[in-house]
């Protein structure tokens, strides 16, 4: 992999990972705030926005995972293996719990059904979203640590272009 390709992948990985974290944090915080003191109209707006926001979140997470895997170049051990295990859980949690919850909650909110199934489903979504935030945060932390270590250890530096 050339230095420019490697630099581009690193930049993509950082931007996509940061964007995914910020999107999930925004969805989570908006949900908590509107549930604590929002009107029915505000709840509908937030739940609808979160459902549509998933269309941006899924490719952002995919870009994060794909760029990270490409950067690893098949050398997946140690911290990279841990990050990959987390990403698999994050993806499964998102696809099996968060996406269906977001869509279902938007449908229920738009119908005006904010009781019954809405409340426990909202709790599940908040827990699953919080778990993903923590896991992505841990991956960001480990990525920053790897970057700092690579800066100190010449074995991890990309060769300079001549």
Protein backbone atom coordinates (compact mmCIF):
# COMPACT_ATOMS: atom_id res chain seq x y z
CA UNK A 1 0.00 0.00 0.00
CA UNK A 2 1.49 3.34 -0.99
CA UNK A 3 1.97 6.11 1.52
CA UNK A 4 -0.73 8.27 -0.07
CA UNK A 5 -3.23 5.38 -0.05
CA UNK A 6 -2.30 4.60 3.55
CA UNK A 7 -2.72 8.25 4.54
CA UNK A 8 -6.08 8.43 2.77
CA UNK A 9 -7.28 5.25 4.52
CA UNK A 10 -6.14 6.54 7.92
CA UNK A 11 -7.96 9.82 7.32
CA UNK A 12 -11.11 8.01 6.16
CA UNK A 13 -10.94 5.72 9.20
CA UNK A 14 -10.62 8.62 11.64
CA UNK A 15 -13.37 10.69 10.05
CA UNK A 16 -15.81 7.79 9.65
CA UNK A 17 -15.17 6.49 13.18
CA UNK A 18 -15.57 9.93 14.70
CA UNK A 19 -18.70 10.61 12.67
CA UNK A 20 -20.24 7.28 13.70
CA UNK A 21 -19.52 8.01 17.36
CA UNK A 22 -20.98 11.52 17.10
CA UNK A 23 -24.09 10.29 15.26
CA UNK A 24 -24.81 7.62 17.87
CA UNK A 25 -24.13 10.08 20.70
CA UNK A 26 -26.47 12.62 19.08
CA UNK A 27 -29.23 10.03 18.61
CA UNK A 28 -28.83 8.82 22.19
CA UNK A 29 -28.70 12.28 23.78
CA UNK A 30 -31.60 13.63 21.71
CA UNK A 31 -33.68 10.61 22.70
CA UNK A 32 -32.94 11.01 26.41
CA UNK A 33 -33.64 14.74 26.36
CA UNK A 34 -36.90 14.45 24.45
CA UNK A 35 -38.09 11.57 26.62
CA UNK A 36 -37.40 13.57 29.78
CA UNK A 37 -39.26 16.69 28.77
CA UNK A 38 -40.38 16.71 25.18
CA UNK A 39 -43.85 16.97 23.76
CA UNK A 40 -45.45 14.30 21.60
CA UNK A 41 -44.53 16.33 18.51
CA UNK A 42 -40.89 16.54 19.62
CA UNK A 43 -40.74 12.80 20.35
CA UNK A 44 -42.11 12.06 16.88
CA UNK A 45 -39.55 14.43 15.33
CA UNK A 46 -36.61 12.86 17.16
CA UNK A 47 -37.70 9.27 16.52
CA UNK A 48 -38.25 10.07 12.82
CA UNK A 49 -34.87 11.82 12.56
CA UNK A 50 -33.10 8.89 14.22
CA UNK A 51 -34.73 6.41 11.82
CA UNK A 52 -33.61 8.48 8.82
CA UNK A 53 -30.20 9.06 10.42
CA UNK A 54 -29.57 5.33 10.37
CA UNK A 55 -29.23 5.69 6.59
CA UNK A 56 -26.12 7.77 7.26
CA UNK A 57 -24.90 5.78 10.24
CA UNK A 58 -24.77 2.34 8.62
CA UNK A 59 -22.41 3.33 5.76
CA UNK A 60 -20.33 5.38 8.19
CA UNK A 61 -19.82 2.32 10.40
CA UNK A 62 -19.14 0.18 7.32
CA UNK A 63 -16.48 2.65 6.13
CA UNK A 64 -14.90 2.61 9.58
CA UNK A 65 -14.74 -1.17 9.68
CA UNK A 66 -13.58 -1.60 6.08
CA UNK A 67 -10.86 1.03 6.33
CA UNK A 68 -9.65 -0.35 9.65
CA UNK A 69 -9.51 -3.88 8.28
CA UNK A 70 -7.61 -2.66 5.19
CA UNK A 71 -5.17 -0.71 7.36
CA UNK A 72 -4.49 -3.82 9.43
CA UNK A 73 -3.38 -5.61 6.24
CA UNK A 74 -4.34 -9.00 7.66
CA UNK A 75 -2.09 -8.63 10.72
CA UNK A 76 -4.88 -8.94 13.25
CA UNK A 77 -3.57 -9.71 16.69
CA UNK A 78 -3.34 -8.01 20.05
CA UNK A 79 -5.16 -4.68 20.16
CA UNK A 80 -6.29 -4.99 16.55
CA UNK A 81 -7.97 -8.33 17.31
CA UNK A 82 -9.74 -6.74 20.27
CA UNK A 83 -10.91 -3.81 18.12
CA UNK A 84 -12.18 -6.25 15.48
CA UNK A 85 -14.13 -8.26 18.08
CA UNK A 86 -15.71 -5.05 19.31
CA UNK A 87 -16.60 -3.99 15.76
CA UNK A 88 -18.31 -7.32 15.11
CA UNK A 89 -20.40 -6.83 18.25
CA UNK A 90 -21.11 -3.18 17.34
CA UNK A 91 -22.28 -4.23 13.87
CA UNK A 92 -24.46 -7.06 15.19
CA UNK A 93 -25.94 -4.84 17.90
CA UNK A 94 -26.67 -2.17 15.32
CA UNK A 95 -28.17 -4.40 12.67
CA UNK A 96 -30.13 -6.73 14.96
CA UNK A 97 -31.27 -4.32 17.67
CA UNK A 98 -30.70 -0.64 16.89
CA UNK A 99 -31.87 -0.41 13.28
CA UNK A 100 -35.10 -2.38 13.85
CA UNK A 101 -35.72 -0.44 17.09
CA UNK A 102 -35.20 2.93 15.40
CA UNK A 103 -37.62 2.09 12.60
CA UNK A 104 -40.20 0.55 14.96
CA UNK A 105 -40.03 3.47 17.39
CA UNK A 106 -40.48 5.96 14.54
CA UNK A 107 -43.54 4.05 13.32
CA UNK A 108 -45.02 3.82 16.83
CA UNK A 109 -44.34 7.50 17.55
CA UNK A 110 -45.90 8.60 14.27
CA UNK A 111 -48.99 6.52 15.13
CA UNK A 112 -49.19 8.25 18.49
CA UNK A 113 -48.55 5.03 20.40
CA UNK A 114 -46.09 6.23 23.06
CA UNK A 115 -47.17 3.64 25.62
CA UNK A 116 -47.29 -0.13 25.48
CA UNK A 117 -44.49 -1.46 23.29
CA UNK A 118 -42.87 1.97 22.83
CA UNK A 119 -41.53 2.26 26.39
CA UNK A 120 -39.69 -1.08 26.69
CA UNK A 121 -38.45 -0.83 23.10
CA UNK A 122 -37.12 2.66 23.86
CA UNK A 123 -35.31 1.26 26.91
CA UNK A 124 -33.74 -1.51 24.81
CA UNK A 125 -32.64 1.03 22.19
CA UNK A 126 -31.06 3.29 24.80
CA UNK A 127 -29.16 0.40 26.40
CA UNK A 128 -27.96 -0.99 23.06
CA UNK A 129 -26.98 2.49 21.88
CA UNK A 130 -25.10 3.13 25.11
CA UNK A 131 -23.23 -0.15 24.72
CA UNK A 132 -22.22 0.79 21.18
CA UNK A 133 -21.06 4.21 22.34
CA UNK A 134 -18.85 2.62 24.99
CA UNK A 135 -17.43 0.06 22.56
CA UNK A 136 -16.72 2.63 19.85
CA UNK A 137 -15.17 4.87 22.49
CA UNK A 138 -12.88 2.02 23.55
CA UNK A 139 -11.92 1.44 19.91
CA UNK A 140 -11.13 5.14 19.50
CA UNK A 141 -9.04 5.06 22.68
CA UNK A 142 -7.12 2.00 21.49
CA UNK A 143 -6.61 3.51 18.04
CA UNK A 144 -5.16 6.67 19.58
CA UNK A 145 -2.87 4.58 21.79
CA UNK A 146 -1.69 2.62 18.76
CA UNK A 147 -0.98 5.87 16.93
CA UNK A 148 1.05 7.23 19.86
CA UNK A 149 3.02 4.00 20.12
CA UNK A 150 3.64 3.98 16.37
CA UNK A 151 5.06 7.49 16.67
CA UNK A 152 7.61 6.29 19.24
CA UNK A 153 8.52 2.98 17.62
CA UNK A 154 10.06 3.14 14.15
CA UNK A 155 8.91 -0.44 13.43
CA UNK A 156 5.34 0.89 13.07
CA UNK A 157 6.13 3.92 10.91
CA UNK A 158 5.38 3.95 7.22
CA UNK A 159 8.53 4.33 5.11
CA UNK A 160 9.19 7.87 3.93
CA UNK A 161 8.70 8.65 0.26
CA UNK A 162 11.94 9.52 -1.49
